[in-house]
Amino acid sequence: MNELIFYSILLFFVLGHLVLASLFYRAISKNKELSFQEKNQWRLKALIFPIGYWFLFKKRTSK
């Protein structure tokens, strides 16, 4: 029973990470102000740690 709970929670976090990374990826692709290299850097960051870099992305691109 403990394994089921553990894997359910792990699945929840993985799916959450997937959804947040895909939303972040779409926001990066829609941004016309970024160069090709900057978009690629932000996309890599979106895949690694989407929640942390989302706020940094919003702060840097809202200028």
C-alpha atoms as a PDB file:
ATOM      1  CA  MET A   1       0.000   0.000   0.000  1.00  0.00           C
ATOM      2  CA  ASN A   2       2.848   2.376   0.768  1.00  0.00           C
ATOM      3  CA  GLU A   3       4.353   1.756  -2.659  1.00  0.00           C
ATOM      4  CA  LEU A   4       1.066   2.630  -4.334  1.00  0.00           C
ATOM      5  CA  ILE A   5       0.855   5.922  -2.464  1.00  0.00           C
ATOM      6  CA  PHE A   6       4.491   6.711  -3.209  1.00  0.00           C
ATOM      7  CA  TYR A   7       4.155   5.994  -6.931  1.00  0.00           C
ATOM      8  CA  SER A   8       0.886   7.934  -7.128  1.00  0.00           C
ATOM      9  CA  ILE A   9       2.543  10.993  -5.605  1.00  0.00           C
ATOM     10  CA  LEU A  10       5.562  10.573  -7.865  1.00  0.00           C
ATOM     11  CA  LEU A  11       3.295  10.330 -10.922  1.00  0.00           C
ATOM     12  CA  PHE A  12       1.450  13.468  -9.813  1.00  0.00           C
ATOM     13  CA  PHE A  13       4.725  15.410  -9.593  1.00  0.00           C
ATOM     14  CA  VAL A  14       5.965  14.136 -12.952  1.00  0.00           C
ATOM     15  CA  LEU A  15       2.710  15.082 -14.675  1.00  0.00           C
ATOM     16  CA  GLY A  16       2.757  18.496 -12.997  1.00  0.00           C
ATOM     17  CA  HIS A  17       6.312  19.031 -14.190  1.00  0.00           C
ATOM     18  CA  LEU A  18       5.279  18.034 -17.708  1.00  0.00           C
ATOM     19  CA  VAL A  19       2.346  20.452 -17.788  1.00  0.00           C
ATOM     20  CA  LEU A  20       4.339  23.376 -16.370  1.00  0.00           C
ATOM     21  CA  ALA A  21       7.251  22.754 -18.728  1.00  0.00           C
ATOM     22  CA  SER A  22       4.939  22.643 -21.749  1.00  0.00           C
ATOM     23  CA  LEU A  23       3.189  25.886 -20.744  1.00  0.00           C
ATOM     24  CA  PHE A  24       6.555  27.567 -20.204  1.00  0.00           C
ATOM     25  CA  TYR A  25       7.797  26.230 -23.552  1.00  0.00           C
ATOM     26  CA  ARG A  26       4.763  27.733 -25.331  1.00  0.00           C
ATOM     27  CA  ALA A  27       5.281  31.096 -23.646  1.00  0.00           C
ATOM     28  CA  ILE A  28       8.904  31.126 -24.769  1.00  0.00           C
ATOM     29  CA  SER A  29       7.987  30.279 -28.355  1.00  0.00           C
ATOM     30  CA  LYS A  30       5.419  33.089 -28.517  1.00  0.00           C
ATOM     31  CA  ASN A  31       7.890  35.719 -27.316  1.00  0.00           C
ATOM     32  CA  LYS A  32       9.094  37.684 -30.363  1.00  0.00           C
ATOM     33  CA  GLU A  33      11.679  39.751 -28.458  1.00  0.00           C
ATOM     34  CA  LEU A  34      14.042  36.844 -27.766  1.00  0.00           C
ATOM     35  CA  SER A  35      16.736  35.746 -30.191  1.00  0.00           C
ATOM     36  CA  PHE A  36      17.056  32.157 -31.357  1.00  0.00           C
ATOM     37  CA  GLN A  37      19.871  31.431 -28.871  1.00  0.00           C
ATOM     38  CA  GLU A  38      17.978  33.009 -25.983  1.00  0.00           C
ATOM     39  CA  LYS A  39      14.888  30.962 -26.789  1.00  0.00           C
ATOM     40  CA  ASN A  40      16.953  27.774 -26.798  1.00  0.00           C
ATOM     41  CA  GLN A  41      18.507  28.649 -23.440  1.00  0.00           C
ATOM     42  CA  TRP A  42      15.111  29.341 -21.887  1.00  0.00           C
ATOM     43  CA  ARG A  43      13.669  26.138 -23.384  1.00  0.00           C
ATOM     44  CA  LEU A  44      16.416  24.089 -21.777  1.00  0.00           C
ATOM     45  CA  LYS A  45      15.746  25.772 -18.450  1.00  0.00           C
ATOM     46  CA  ALA A  46      12.026  25.091 -18.890  1.00  0.00           C
ATOM     47  CA  LEU A  47      12.683  21.383 -19.229  1.00  0.00           C
ATOM     48  CA  ILE A  48      14.945  21.243 -16.178  1.00  0.00           C
ATOM     49  CA  PHE A  49      13.172  23.379 -13.580  1.00  0.00           C
ATOM     50  CA  PRO A  50      10.006  25.020 -14.947  1.00  0.00           C
ATOM     51  CA  ILE A  51       8.623  26.528 -11.731  1.00  0.00           C
ATOM     52  CA  GLY A  52      11.818  28.255 -10.660  1.00  0.00           C
ATOM     53  CA  TYR A  53      12.707  29.690 -14.032  1.00  0.00           C
ATOM     54  CA  TRP A  54       9.134  30.759 -14.862  1.00  0.00           C
ATOM     55  CA  PHE A  55       9.283  33.658 -12.401  1.00  0.00           C
ATOM     56  CA  LEU A  56      12.769  34.625 -13.557  1.00  0.00           C
ATOM     57  CA  PHE A  57      11.589  34.540 -17.187  1.00  0.00           C
ATOM     58  CA  LYS A  58       8.594  36.753 -16.394  1.00  0.00           C
ATOM     59  CA  LYS A  59      10.788  39.220 -14.509  1.00  0.00           C
ATOM     60  CA  ARG A  60      13.381  39.481 -17.307  1.00  0.00           C
ATOM     61  CA  THR A  61      10.933  39.698 -20.206  1.00  0.00           C
ATOM     62  CA  SER A  62       8.496  42.167 -18.629  1.00  0.00           C
ATOM     63  CA  LYS A  63      10.891  45.105 -19.144  1.00  0.00           C
END
